[in-house]
PDB file of N, CA and C in Angstrom:
ATOM      1  N   MET A   1     173.118 304.874 -28.424  1.00  0.00           N
ATOM      2  CA  MET A   1     171.987 305.531 -29.020  1.00  0.00           C
ATOM      3  C   MET A   1     171.303 304.627 -30.055  1.00  0.00           C
ATOM      4  N   LYS A   2     172.091 303.889 -30.844  1.00  0.00           N
ATOM      5  CA  LYS A   2     171.509 302.998 -31.841  1.00  0.00           C
ATOM      6  C   LYS A   2     170.740 301.873 -31.170  1.00  0.00           C
ATOM      7  N   LEU A   3     171.276 301.373 -30.062  1.00  0.00           N
ATOM      8  CA  LEU A   3     170.597 300.304 -29.339  1.00  0.00           C
ATOM      9  C   LEU A   3     169.245 300.780 -28.832  1.00  0.00           C
ATOM     10  N   ASP A   4     169.169 302.032 -28.396  1.00  0.00           N
ATOM     11  CA  ASP A   4     167.893 302.576 -27.922  1.00  0.00           C
ATOM     12  C   ASP A   4     166.861 302.609 -29.045  1.00  0.00           C
ATOM     13  N   ALA A   5     167.289 302.985 -30.242  1.00  0.00           N
ATOM     14  CA  ALA A   5     166.357 303.038 -31.374  1.00  0.00           C
ATOM     15  C   ALA A   5     165.859 301.642 -31.738  1.00  0.00           C
ATOM     16  N   ILE A   6     166.754 300.675 -31.775  1.00  0.00           N
ATOM     17  CA  ILE A   6     166.361 299.299 -32.086  1.00  0.00           C
ATOM     18  C   ILE A   6     165.423 298.771 -31.008  1.00  0.00           C
ATOM     19  N   LEU A   7     165.760 299.032 -29.770  1.00  0.00           N
ATOM     20  CA  LEU A   7     164.943 298.553 -28.663  1.00  0.00           C
ATOM     21  C   LEU A   7     163.573 299.211 -28.660  1.00  0.00           C
ATOM     22  N   ALA A   8     163.506 300.500 -28.956  1.00  0.00           N
ATOM     23  CA  ALA A   8     162.217 301.192 -28.994  1.00  0.00           C
ATOM     24  C   ALA A   8     161.308 300.597 -30.056  1.00  0.00           C
ATOM     25  N   VAL A   9     161.865 300.294 -31.218  1.00  0.00           N
ATOM     26  CA  VAL A   9     161.079 299.696 -32.301  1.00  0.00           C
ATOM     27  C   VAL A   9     160.637 298.290 -31.912  1.00  0.00           C
ATOM     28  N   ALA A  10     161.533 297.524 -31.301  1.00  0.00           N
ATOM     29  CA  ALA A  10     161.190 296.147 -30.912  1.00  0.00           C
ATOM     30  C   ALA A  10     160.143 296.126 -29.813  1.00  0.00           C
ATOM     31  N   ILE A  11     160.292 296.981 -28.811  1.00  0.00           N
ATOM     32  CA  ILE A  11     159.311 297.027 -27.722  1.00  0.00           C
ATOM     33  C   ILE A  11     157.961 297.478 -28.244  1.00  0.00           C
ATOM     34  N   GLY A  12     157.983 298.341 -29.252  1.00  0.00           N
ATOM     35  CA  GLY A  12     156.736 298.831 -29.829  1.00  0.00           C
ATOM     36  C   GLY A  12     155.951 297.789 -30.597  1.00  0.00           C
ATOM     37  N   GLY A  13     156.485 296.598 -30.730  1.00  0.00           N
ATOM     38  CA  GLY A  13     155.767 295.518 -31.391  1.00  0.00           C
ATOM     39  C   GLY A  13     156.063 295.389 -32.861  1.00  0.00           C
ATOM     40  N   ASN A  14     156.990 296.189 -33.365  1.00  0.00           N
ATOM     41  CA  ASN A  14     157.349 296.104 -34.784  1.00  0.00           C
ATOM     42  C   ASN A  14     158.251 294.899 -35.000  1.00  0.00           C
ATOM     43  N   SER A  15     158.056 294.248 -36.112  1.00  0.00           N
ATOM     44  CA  SER A  15     158.850 293.074 -36.432  1.00  0.00           C
ATOM     45  C   SER A  15     160.257 293.486 -36.834  1.00  0.00           C
ATOM     46  N   LEU A  16     161.255 292.884 -36.214  1.00  0.00           N
ATOM     47  CA  LEU A  16     162.629 293.192 -36.566  1.00  0.00           C
ATOM     48  C   LEU A  16     163.026 292.523 -37.874  1.00  0.00           C
ATOM     49  N   GLY A  17     162.223 291.601 -38.335  1.00  0.00           N
ATOM     50  CA  GLY A  17     162.491 290.915 -39.593  1.00  0.00           C
ATOM     51  C   GLY A  17     161.898 291.638 -40.799  1.00  0.00           C
ATOM     52  N   GLY A  18     161.231 292.747 -40.560  1.00  0.00           N
ATOM     53  CA  GLY A  18     160.613 293.499 -41.650  1.00  0.00           C
ATOM     54  C   GLY A  18     159.129 293.210 -41.737  1.00  0.00           C
ATOM     55  N   GLY A  19     158.472 293.966 -42.572  1.00  0.00           N
ATOM     56  CA  GLY A  19     157.038 293.750 -42.760  1.00  0.00           C
ATOM     57  C   GLY A  19     156.222 294.828 -42.105  1.00  0.00           C
ATOM     58  N   LYS A  20     155.589 294.516 -41.002  1.00  0.00           N
ATOM     59  CA  LYS A  20     154.677 295.472 -40.371  1.00  0.00           C
ATOM     60  C   LYS A  20     155.440 296.518 -39.559  1.00  0.00           C
ATOM     61  N   PHE A  21     154.817 297.705 -39.463  1.00  0.00           N
ATOM     62  CA  PHE A  21     155.415 298.814 -38.729  1.00  0.00           C
ATOM     63  C   PHE A  21     154.299 299.648 -38.123  1.00  0.00           C
ATOM     64  N   SER A  22     154.504 300.105 -36.909  1.00  0.00           N
ATOM     65  CA  SER A  22     153.526 300.945 -36.237  1.00  0.00           C
ATOM     66  C   SER A  22     154.242 302.122 -35.603  1.00  0.00           C
ATOM     67  N   LEU A  23     153.913 303.329 -36.042  1.00  0.00           N
ATOM     68  CA  LEU A  23     154.529 304.522 -35.496  1.00  0.00           C
ATOM     69  C   LEU A  23     154.147 304.690 -34.026  1.00  0.00           C
ATOM     70  N   ALA A  24     152.877 304.459 -33.705  1.00  0.00           N
ATOM     71  CA  ALA A  24     152.428 304.584 -32.320  1.00  0.00           C
ATOM     72  C   ALA A  24     153.158 303.576 -31.433  1.00  0.00           C
ATOM     73  N   GLY A  25     153.354 302.365 -31.925  1.00  0.00           N
ATOM     74  CA  GLY A  25     154.079 301.352 -31.168  1.00  0.00           C
ATOM     75  C   GLY A  25     155.517 301.763 -30.918  1.00  0.00           C
ATOM     76  N   SER A  26     156.131 302.370 -31.925  1.00  0.00           N
ATOM     77  CA  SER A  26     157.516 302.830 -31.764  1.00  0.00           C
ATOM     78  C   SER A  26     157.625 303.946 -30.738  1.00  0.00           C
ATOM     79  N   VAL A  27     156.639 304.843 -30.728  1.00  0.00           N
ATOM     80  CA  VAL A  27     156.635 305.924 -29.733  1.00  0.00           C
ATOM     81  C   VAL A  27     156.462 305.347 -28.334  1.00  0.00           C
ATOM     82  N   ILE A  28     155.569 304.389 -28.190  1.00  0.00           N
ATOM     83  CA  ILE A  28     155.385 303.731 -26.892  1.00  0.00           C
ATOM     84  C   ILE A  28     156.667 303.014 -26.493  1.00  0.00           C
ATOM     85  N   GLY A  29     157.317 302.377 -27.454  1.00  0.00           N
ATOM     86  CA  GLY A  29     158.590 301.713 -27.184  1.00  0.00           C
ATOM     87  C   GLY A  29     159.657 302.694 -26.740  1.00  0.00           C
ATOM     88  N   ALA A  30     159.678 303.889 -27.353  1.00  0.00           N
ATOM     89  CA  ALA A  30     160.657 304.907 -26.969  1.00  0.00           C
ATOM     90  C   ALA A  30     160.425 305.377 -25.538  1.00  0.00           C
ATOM     91  N   PHE A  31     159.164 305.579 -25.175  1.00  0.00           N
ATOM     92  CA  PHE A  31     158.861 305.959 -23.787  1.00  0.00           C
ATOM     93  C   PHE A  31     159.251 304.848 -22.822  1.00  0.00           C
ATOM     94  N   THR A  32     159.000 303.621 -23.224  1.00  0.00           N
ATOM     95  CA  THR A  32     159.326 302.485 -22.360  1.00  0.00           C
ATOM     96  C   THR A  32     160.831 302.355 -22.158  1.00  0.00           C
ATOM     97  N   ILE A  33     161.612 302.493 -23.219  1.00  0.00           N
ATOM     98  CA  ILE A  33     163.062 302.362 -23.088  1.00  0.00           C
ATOM     99  C   ILE A  33     163.626 303.509 -22.266  1.00  0.00           C
ATOM    100  N   GLN A  34     163.032 304.702 -22.406  1.00  0.00           N
ATOM    101  CA  GLN A  34     163.480 305.825 -21.584  1.00  0.00           C
ATOM    102  C   GLN A  34     163.161 305.568 -20.115  1.00  0.00           C
ATOM    103  N   ALA A  35     162.000 304.994 -19.850  1.00  0.00           N
ATOM    104  CA  ALA A  35     161.648 304.647 -18.471  1.00  0.00           C
ATOM    105  C   ALA A  35     162.598 303.591 -17.919  1.00  0.00           C
ATOM    106  N   LEU A  36     162.967 302.616 -18.749  1.00  0.00           N
ATOM    107  CA  LEU A  36     163.920 301.592 -18.326  1.00  0.00           C
ATOM    108  C   LEU A  36     165.266 302.219 -17.997  1.00  0.00           C
ATOM    109  N   THR A  37     165.727 303.110 -18.870  1.00  0.00           N
ATOM    110  CA  THR A  37     167.008 303.783 -18.644  1.00  0.00           C
ATOM    111  C   THR A  37     166.988 304.600 -17.369  1.00  0.00           C
ATOM    112  N   THR A  38     165.935 305.385 -17.189  1.00  0.00           N
ATOM    113  CA  THR A  38     165.809 306.216 -15.987  1.00  0.00           C
ATOM    114  C   THR A  38     165.757 305.359 -14.732  1.00  0.00           C
ATOM    115  N   THR A  39     165.044 304.246 -14.800  1.00  0.00           N
ATOM    116  CA  THR A  39     164.948 303.349 -13.650  1.00  0.00           C
ATOM    117  C   THR A  39     166.301 302.740 -13.314  1.00  0.00           C
ATOM    118  N   LEU A  40     167.027 302.327 -14.342  1.00  0.00           N
ATOM    119  CA  LEU A  40     168.348 301.742 -14.089  1.00  0.00           C
ATOM    120  C   LEU A  40     169.283 302.758 -13.451  1.00  0.00           C
ATOM    121  N   TYR A  41     169.246 304.002 -13.939  1.00  0.00           N
ATOM    122  CA  TYR A  41     170.099 305.036 -13.332  1.00  0.00           C
ATOM    123  C   TYR A  41     169.642 305.347 -11.905  1.00  0.00           C
ATOM    124  N   ALA A  42     168.342 305.322 -11.648  1.00  0.00           N
ATOM    125  CA  ALA A  42     167.825 305.561 -10.304  1.00  0.00           C
ATOM    126  C   ALA A  42     168.240 304.449  -9.341  1.00  0.00           C
ATOM    127  N   MET A  43     168.453 303.263  -9.883  1.00  0.00           N
ATOM    128  CA  MET A  43     168.902 302.132  -9.064  1.00  0.00           C
ATOM    129  C   MET A  43     170.422 302.121  -8.928  1.00  0.00           C
ATOM    130  N   HIS A  44     171.067 303.184  -9.387  1.00  0.00           N
ATOM    131  CA  HIS A  44     172.512 303.364  -9.296  1.00  0.00           C
ATOM    132  C   HIS A  44     173.294 302.304 -10.074  1.00  0.00           C
ATOM    133  N   VAL A  45     172.724 301.891 -11.215  1.00  0.00           N
ATOM    134  CA  VAL A  45     173.444 300.997 -12.118  1.00  0.00           C
ATOM    135  C   VAL A  45     174.424 301.873 -12.894  1.00  0.00           C
ATOM    136  N   SER A  46     175.656 301.414 -13.026  1.00  0.00           N
ATOM    137  CA  SER A  46     176.657 302.236 -13.703  1.00  0.00           C
ATOM    138  C   SER A  46     176.322 302.382 -15.190  1.00  0.00           C
ATOM    139  N   SER A  47     176.763 303.483 -15.762  1.00  0.00           N
ATOM    140  CA  SER A  47     176.450 303.757 -17.164  1.00  0.00           C
ATOM    141  C   SER A  47     177.098 302.736 -18.103  1.00  0.00           C
ATOM    142  N   ASP A  48     178.117 302.051 -17.646  1.00  0.00           N
ATOM    143  CA  ASP A  48     178.737 300.993 -18.453  1.00  0.00           C
ATOM    144  C   ASP A  48     177.869 299.739 -18.510  1.00  0.00           C
ATOM    145  N   GLN A  49     177.042 299.537 -17.495  1.00  0.00           N
ATOM    146  CA  GLN A  49     176.220 298.331 -17.422  1.00  0.00           C
ATOM    147  C   GLN A  49     174.850 298.497 -18.063  1.00  0.00           C
ATOM    148  N   VAL A  50     174.386 299.720 -18.236  1.00  0.00           N
ATOM    149  CA  VAL A  50     173.050 299.956 -18.788  1.00  0.00           C
ATOM    150  C   VAL A  50     172.878 299.320 -20.169  1.00  0.00           C
ATOM    151  N   PRO A  51     173.845 299.454 -21.096  1.00  0.00           N
ATOM    152  CA  PRO A  51     173.658 298.791 -22.401  1.00  0.00           C
ATOM    153  C   PRO A  51     173.539 297.269 -22.304  1.00  0.00           C
ATOM    154  N   VAL A  52     174.146 296.686 -21.306  1.00  0.00           N
ATOM    155  CA  VAL A  52     174.034 295.229 -21.136  1.00  0.00           C
ATOM    156  C   VAL A  52     172.587 294.852 -20.819  1.00  0.00           C
ATOM    157  N   TYR A  53     171.963 295.601 -19.920  1.00  0.00           N
ATOM    158  CA  TYR A  53     170.565 295.332 -19.580  1.00  0.00           C
ATOM    159  C   TYR A  53     169.657 295.565 -20.787  1.00  0.00           C
ATOM    160  N   LYS A  54     169.942 296.601 -21.540  1.00  0.00           N
ATOM    161  CA  LYS A  54     169.143 296.869 -22.738  1.00  0.00           C
ATOM    162  C   LYS A  54     169.332 295.761 -23.761  1.00  0.00           C
ATOM    163  N   ALA A  55     170.542 295.261 -23.920  1.00  0.00           N
ATOM    164  CA  ALA A  55     170.798 294.168 -24.860  1.00  0.00           C
ATOM    165  C   ALA A  55     170.054 292.905 -24.448  1.00  0.00           C
ATOM    166  N   ILE A  56     169.984 292.661 -23.159  1.00  0.00           N
ATOM    167  CA  ILE A  56     169.231 291.500 -22.668  1.00  0.00           C
ATOM    168  C   ILE A  56     167.766 291.634 -23.050  1.00  0.00           C
ATOM    169  N   VAL A  57     167.215 292.827 -22.936  1.00  0.00           N
ATOM    170  CA  VAL A  57     165.822 293.064 -23.318  1.00  0.00           C
ATOM    171  C   VAL A  57     165.642 292.820 -24.825  1.00  0.00           C
ATOM    172  N   VAL A  58     166.588 293.271 -25.646  1.00  0.00           N
ATOM    173  CA  VAL A  58     166.509 293.044 -27.092  1.00  0.00           C
ATOM    174  C   VAL A  58     166.512 291.549 -27.403  1.00  0.00           C
ATOM    175  N   VAL A  59     167.378 290.795 -26.750  1.00  0.00           N
ATOM    176  CA  VAL A  59     167.458 289.349 -26.996  1.00  0.00           C
ATOM    177  C   VAL A  59     166.140 288.680 -26.612  1.00  0.00           C
ATOM    178  N   ILE A  60     165.567 289.079 -25.502  1.00  0.00           N
ATOM    179  CA  ILE A  60     164.286 288.497 -25.072  1.00  0.00           C
ATOM    180  C   ILE A  60     163.195 288.805 -26.087  1.00  0.00           C
ATOM    181  N   ILE A  61     163.139 290.039 -26.563  1.00  0.00           N
ATOM    182  CA  ILE A  61     162.108 290.423 -27.530  1.00  0.00           C
ATOM    183  C   ILE A  61     162.284 289.670 -28.841  1.00  0.00           C
ATOM    184  N   VAL A  62     163.506 289.559 -29.313  1.00  0.00           N
ATOM    185  CA  VAL A  62     163.757 288.827 -30.559  1.00  0.00           C
ATOM    186  C   VAL A  62     163.351 287.364 -30.394  1.00  0.00           C
ATOM    187  N   ALA A  63     163.650 286.787 -29.246  1.00  0.00           N
ATOM    188  CA  ALA A  63     163.262 285.394 -28.996  1.00  0.00           C
ATOM    189  C   ALA A  63     161.742 285.245 -28.986  1.00  0.00           C
ATOM    190  N   LEU A  64     161.051 286.200 -28.381  1.00  0.00           N
ATOM    191  CA  LEU A  64     159.587 286.133 -28.323  1.00  0.00           C
ATOM    192  C   LEU A  64     158.956 286.316 -29.696  1.00  0.00           C
ATOM    193  N   GLN A  65     159.610 287.053 -30.595  1.00  0.00           N
ATOM    194  CA  GLN A  65     159.078 287.272 -31.934  1.00  0.00           C
ATOM    195  C   GLN A  65     159.484 286.183 -32.924  1.00  0.00           C
ATOM    196  N   SER A  66     160.317 285.251 -32.510  1.00  0.00           N
ATOM    197  CA  SER A  66     160.822 284.245 -33.445  1.00  0.00           C
ATOM    198  C   SER A  66     159.732 283.235 -33.815  1.00  0.00           C
ATOM    199  N   PRO A  67     159.799 282.686 -35.022  1.00  0.00           N
ATOM    200  CA  PRO A  67     158.824 281.668 -35.445  1.00  0.00           C
ATOM    201  C   PRO A  67     158.873 280.414 -34.563  1.00  0.00           C
ATOM    202  N   GLY A  68     160.045 280.062 -34.086  1.00  0.00           N
ATOM    203  CA  GLY A  68     160.161 278.888 -33.219  1.00  0.00           C
ATOM    204  C   GLY A  68     159.382 279.052 -31.927  1.00  0.00           C
ATOM    205  N   PHE A  69     159.440 280.246 -31.351  1.00  0.00           N
ATOM    206  CA  PHE A  69     158.685 280.502 -30.131  1.00  0.00           C
ATOM    207  C   PHE A  69     157.188 280.487 -30.413  1.00  0.00           C
ATOM    208  N   ALA A  70     156.788 281.020 -31.567  1.00  0.00           N
ATOM    209  CA  ALA A  70     155.373 281.020 -31.931  1.00  0.00           C
ATOM    210  C   ALA A  70     154.849 279.589 -32.079  1.00  0.00           C
ATOM    211  N   ARG A  71     155.654 278.721 -32.704  1.00  0.00           N
ATOM    212  CA  ARG A  71     155.253 277.310 -32.828  1.00  0.00           C
ATOM    213  C   ARG A  71     155.147 276.643 -31.459  1.00  0.00           C
ATOM    214  N   TRP A  72     156.109 276.931 -30.584  1.00  0.00           N
ATOM    215  CA  TRP A  72     156.103 276.339 -29.245  1.00  0.00           C
ATOM    216  C   TRP A  72     154.872 276.794 -28.464  1.00  0.00           C
ATOM    217  N   ARG A  73     154.548 278.091 -28.555  1.00  0.00           N
ATOM    218  CA  ARG A  73     153.376 278.634 -27.853  1.00  0.00           C
ATOM    219  C   ARG A  73     152.097 278.019 -28.407  1.00  0.00           C
ATOM    220  N   LYS A  74     152.037 277.861 -29.739  1.00  0.00           N
ATOM    221  CA  LYS A  74     150.853 277.268 -30.365  1.00  0.00           C
ATOM    222  C   LYS A  74     150.670 275.816 -29.936  1.00  0.00           C
ATOM    223  N   SER A  75     151.775 275.065 -29.840  1.00  0.00           N
ATOM    224  CA  SER A  75     151.664 273.666 -29.416  1.00  0.00           C
ATOM    225  C   SER A  75     151.221 273.568 -27.967  1.00  0.00           C
ATOM    226  N   LEU A  76     151.676 274.484 -27.129  1.00  0.00           N
ATOM    227  CA  LEU A  76     151.224 274.488 -25.735  1.00  0.00           C
ATOM    228  C   LEU A  76     149.723 274.748 -25.638  1.00  0.00           C
ATOM    229  N   LEU A  77     149.246 275.704 -26.429  1.00  0.00           N
ATOM    230  CA  LEU A  77     147.818 276.007 -26.420  1.00  0.00           C
ATOM    231  C   LEU A  77     146.994 274.828 -26.912  1.00  0.00           C
ATOM    232  N   GLN A  78     147.497 274.125 -27.936  1.00  0.00           N
ATOM    233  CA  GLN A  78     146.781 272.958 -28.447  1.00  0.00           C
ATOM    234  C   GLN A  78     146.727 271.855 -27.397  1.00  0.00           C
ATOM    235  N   LYS A  79     147.834 271.636 -26.698  1.00  0.00           N
ATOM    236  CA  LYS A  79     147.847 270.624 -25.643  1.00  0.00           C
ATOM    237  C   LYS A  79     146.873 270.990 -24.530  1.00  0.00           C
ATOM    238  N   LYS A  80     146.796 272.271 -24.222  1.00  0.00           N
ATOM    239  CA  LYS A  80     145.898 272.725 -23.168  1.00  0.00           C
ATOM    240  C   LYS A  80     144.440 272.521 -23.585  1.00  0.00           C
ATOM    241  N   GLU A  81     144.129 272.782 -24.855  1.00  0.00           N
ATOM    242  CA  GLU A  81     142.770 272.585 -25.364  1.00  0.00           C
ATOM    243  C   GLU A  81     142.399 271.108 -25.365  1.00  0.00           C
ATOM    244  N   ILE A  82     143.343 270.259 -25.742  1.00  0.00           N
ATOM    245  CA  ILE A  82     143.082 268.823 -25.747  1.00  0.00           C
ATOM    246  C   ILE A  82     142.820 268.346 -24.322  1.00  0.00           C
ATOM    247  N   LYS A  83     143.621 268.817 -23.378  1.00  0.00           N
ATOM    248  CA  LYS A  83     143.450 268.422 -21.986  1.00  0.00           C
ATOM    249  C   LYS A  83     142.104 268.905 -21.456  1.00  0.00           C
ATOM    250  N   ALA A  84     141.721 270.132 -21.807  1.00  0.00           N
ATOM    251  CA  ALA A  84     140.440 270.666 -21.349  1.00  0.00           C
ATOM    252  C   ALA A  84     139.279 269.887 -21.972  1.00  0.00           C
ATOM    253  N   GLY A  85     139.432 269.454 -23.218  1.00  0.00           N
ATOM    254  CA  GLY A  85     138.406 268.663 -23.884  1.00  0.00           C
ATOM    255  C   GLY A  85     138.238 267.299 -23.242  1.00  0.00           C
ATOM    256  N   LYS A  86     139.312 266.677 -22.818  1.00  0.00           N
ATOM    257  CA  LYS A  86     139.251 265.372 -22.156  1.00  0.00           C
ATOM    258  C   LYS A  86     138.595 265.488 -20.785  1.00  0.00           C
ATOM    259  N   GLU A  87     138.885 266.574 -20.070  1.00  0.00           N
ATOM    260  CA  GLU A  87     138.299 266.759 -18.745  1.00  0.00           C
ATOM    261  C   GLU A  87     136.804 267.067 -18.829  1.00  0.00           C
ATOM    262  N   ALA A  88     136.380 267.729 -19.901  1.00  0.00           N
ATOM    263  CA  ALA A  88     134.975 268.065 -20.075  1.00  0.00           C
ATOM    264  C   ALA A  88     134.153 266.830 -20.434  1.00  0.00           C
ATOM    265  N   ALA A  89     134.788 265.865 -21.065  1.00  0.00           N
ATOM    266  CA  ALA A  89     134.073 264.675 -21.521  1.00  0.00           C
ATOM    267  C   ALA A  89     133.814 263.685 -20.433  1.00  0.00           C
TER     268      ALA A  89
END
């Protein structure tokens, strides 16, 4: 149950490191995690394995929200802009 609450907040776009919070985002996250749970049960995934899949989703979200990932994404965009500028010239 605690994992569902953490996952709902993370999926909703709220920062796990603190700071910004969105109630609407958390509600959307709660609906999304419930849909994920229902889908996993519909696919006949055992109830022992469902938390593992949810934990994987939490790890992915935390990685996507990390400052290191943001820097990596920003550097990719800069490289793409430089490449587009060279091709235009």
